[in-house]
Amino acid sequence: MTNVTGKNKGRKKMKKKKNEEEEGTDREKKREEEVAMAERNRKIRESGKKKAEERKGKGKKKDRGREKEKYEGM
């Protein structure tokens, strides 16, 4: 990096300061998005667990009639 003197030195400092401020807001936004996604994923997982619990006792329903026909032909 070259030495910056005079008028440009102040501009350089202001630009650096502005970039740091923008970077801070970007981090905050990113953090908020991560929190929102985590919350959404947690809700999805919980609803999936509830659905699995409901299905647990039911078992699979098979079409018994078709199975019998298949074995009668043998």
C-alpha atoms as a PDB file:
ATOM      1  CA  MET A   1       0.000   0.000   0.000  1.00  0.00           C
ATOM      2  CA  THR A   2       1.291   3.462  -0.832  1.00  0.00           C
ATOM      3  CA  ASN A   3       1.580   6.279   1.648  1.00  0.00           C
ATOM      4  CA  VAL A   4      -1.473   8.498   1.546  1.00  0.00           C
ATOM      5  CA  THR A   5      -0.930  12.135   2.406  1.00  0.00           C
ATOM      6  CA  GLY A   6      -2.915  15.316   2.662  1.00  0.00           C
ATOM      7  CA  LYS A   7      -6.504  15.498   1.482  1.00  0.00           C
ATOM      8  CA  ASN A   8      -6.655  11.841   0.423  1.00  0.00           C
ATOM      9  CA  LYS A   9      -5.647  10.650   3.892  1.00  0.00           C
ATOM     10  CA  GLY A  10      -8.922  11.934   5.358  1.00  0.00           C
ATOM     11  CA  ARG A  11     -10.909  10.374   2.530  1.00  0.00           C
ATOM     12  CA  LYS A  12      -9.123   7.078   3.039  1.00  0.00           C
ATOM     13  CA  LYS A  13      -9.974   7.109   6.754  1.00  0.00           C
ATOM     14  CA  MET A  14     -13.625   7.946   6.057  1.00  0.00           C
ATOM     15  CA  LYS A  15     -13.868   5.182   3.477  1.00  0.00           C
ATOM     16  CA  LYS A  16     -12.347   2.685   5.903  1.00  0.00           C
ATOM     17  CA  LYS A  17     -14.718   3.779   8.662  1.00  0.00           C
ATOM     18  CA  LYS A  18     -17.728   3.499   6.341  1.00  0.00           C
ATOM     19  CA  ASN A  19     -16.679  -0.009   5.255  1.00  0.00           C
ATOM     20  CA  GLU A  20     -16.346  -1.120   8.881  1.00  0.00           C
ATOM     21  CA  GLU A  21     -19.834   0.185   9.681  1.00  0.00           C
ATOM     22  CA  GLU A  22     -21.338  -1.603   6.678  1.00  0.00           C
ATOM     23  CA  GLU A  23     -19.524  -4.778   7.625  1.00  0.00           C
ATOM     24  CA  GLY A  24     -21.023  -4.586  11.100  1.00  0.00           C
ATOM     25  CA  THR A  25     -24.557  -4.286   9.743  1.00  0.00           C
ATOM     26  CA  ASP A  26     -23.903  -7.168   7.343  1.00  0.00           C
ATOM     27  CA  ARG A  27     -22.844  -9.350  10.258  1.00  0.00           C
ATOM     28  CA  GLU A  28     -25.963  -8.425  12.201  1.00  0.00           C
ATOM     29  CA  LYS A  29     -28.200  -9.208   9.225  1.00  0.00           C
ATOM     30  CA  LYS A  30     -26.450 -12.510   8.644  1.00  0.00           C
ATOM     31  CA  ARG A  31     -26.825 -13.414  12.322  1.00  0.00           C
ATOM     32  CA  GLU A  32     -30.550 -12.580  12.255  1.00  0.00           C
ATOM     33  CA  GLU A  33     -31.005 -14.734   9.147  1.00  0.00           C
ATOM     34  CA  GLU A  34     -29.185 -17.642  10.808  1.00  0.00           C
ATOM     35  CA  VAL A  35     -31.382 -17.367  13.896  1.00  0.00           C
ATOM     36  CA  ALA A  36     -34.530 -17.278  11.752  1.00  0.00           C
ATOM     37  CA  MET A  37     -33.423 -20.336   9.766  1.00  0.00           C
ATOM     38  CA  ALA A  38     -32.566 -22.241  12.949  1.00  0.00           C
ATOM     39  CA  GLU A  39     -35.986 -21.439  14.393  1.00  0.00           C
ATOM     40  CA  ARG A  40     -37.706 -22.550  11.185  1.00  0.00           C
ATOM     41  CA  ASN A  41     -35.713 -25.790  11.047  1.00  0.00           C
ATOM     42  CA  ARG A  42     -36.521 -26.518  14.687  1.00  0.00           C
ATOM     43  CA  LYS A  43     -40.247 -26.099  14.028  1.00  0.00           C
ATOM     44  CA  ILE A  44     -40.054 -28.401  11.010  1.00  0.00           C
ATOM     45  CA  ARG A  45     -38.233 -31.062  13.047  1.00  0.00           C
ATOM     46  CA  GLU A  46     -40.779 -30.859  15.862  1.00  0.00           C
ATOM     47  CA  SER A  47     -43.722 -31.199  13.476  1.00  0.00           C
ATOM     48  CA  GLY A  48     -42.013 -34.210  11.879  1.00  0.00           C
ATOM     49  CA  LYS A  49     -41.598 -35.833  15.291  1.00  0.00           C
ATOM     50  CA  LYS A  50     -45.276 -35.285  16.067  1.00  0.00           C
ATOM     51  CA  LYS A  51     -46.316 -36.855  12.770  1.00  0.00           C
ATOM     52  CA  ALA A  52     -44.022 -39.824  13.402  1.00  0.00           C
ATOM     53  CA  GLU A  53     -45.562 -40.319  16.844  1.00  0.00           C
ATOM     54  CA  GLU A  54     -49.039 -40.338  15.313  1.00  0.00           C
ATOM     55  CA  ARG A  55     -48.014 -42.940  12.728  1.00  0.00           C
ATOM     56  CA  LYS A  56     -46.232 -45.155  15.238  1.00  0.00           C
ATOM     57  CA  GLY A  57     -49.233 -47.179  16.446  1.00  0.00           C
ATOM     58  CA  LYS A  58     -51.003 -47.508  13.109  1.00  0.00           C
ATOM     59  CA  GLY A  59     -48.681 -49.846  11.226  1.00  0.00           C
ATOM     60  CA  LYS A  60     -48.758 -50.401   7.482  1.00  0.00           C
ATOM     61  CA  LYS A  61     -51.976 -51.178   5.680  1.00  0.00           C
ATOM     62  CA  LYS A  62     -51.646 -53.759   2.931  1.00  0.00           C
ATOM     63  CA  ASP A  63     -54.056 -54.734   0.227  1.00  0.00           C
ATOM     64  CA  ARG A  64     -54.749 -58.298   1.365  1.00  0.00           C
ATOM     65  CA  GLY A  65     -57.015 -59.148  -1.566  1.00  0.00           C
ATOM     66  CA  ARG A  66     -54.270 -58.687  -4.125  1.00  0.00           C
ATOM     67  CA  GLU A  67     -51.845 -60.781  -2.115  1.00  0.00           C
ATOM     68  CA  LYS A  68     -54.306 -63.707  -1.957  1.00  0.00           C
ATOM     69  CA  GLU A  69     -54.876 -63.600  -5.711  1.00  0.00           C
ATOM     70  CA  LYS A  70     -51.150 -63.730  -6.338  1.00  0.00           C
ATOM     71  CA  TYR A  71     -50.716 -66.869  -4.221  1.00  0.00           C
ATOM     72  CA  GLU A  72     -53.812 -68.645  -5.560  1.00  0.00           C
ATOM     73  CA  GLY A  73     -52.346 -68.699  -9.064  1.00  0.00           C
ATOM     74  CA  MET A  74     -49.219 -70.571  -7.935  1.00  0.00           C
END
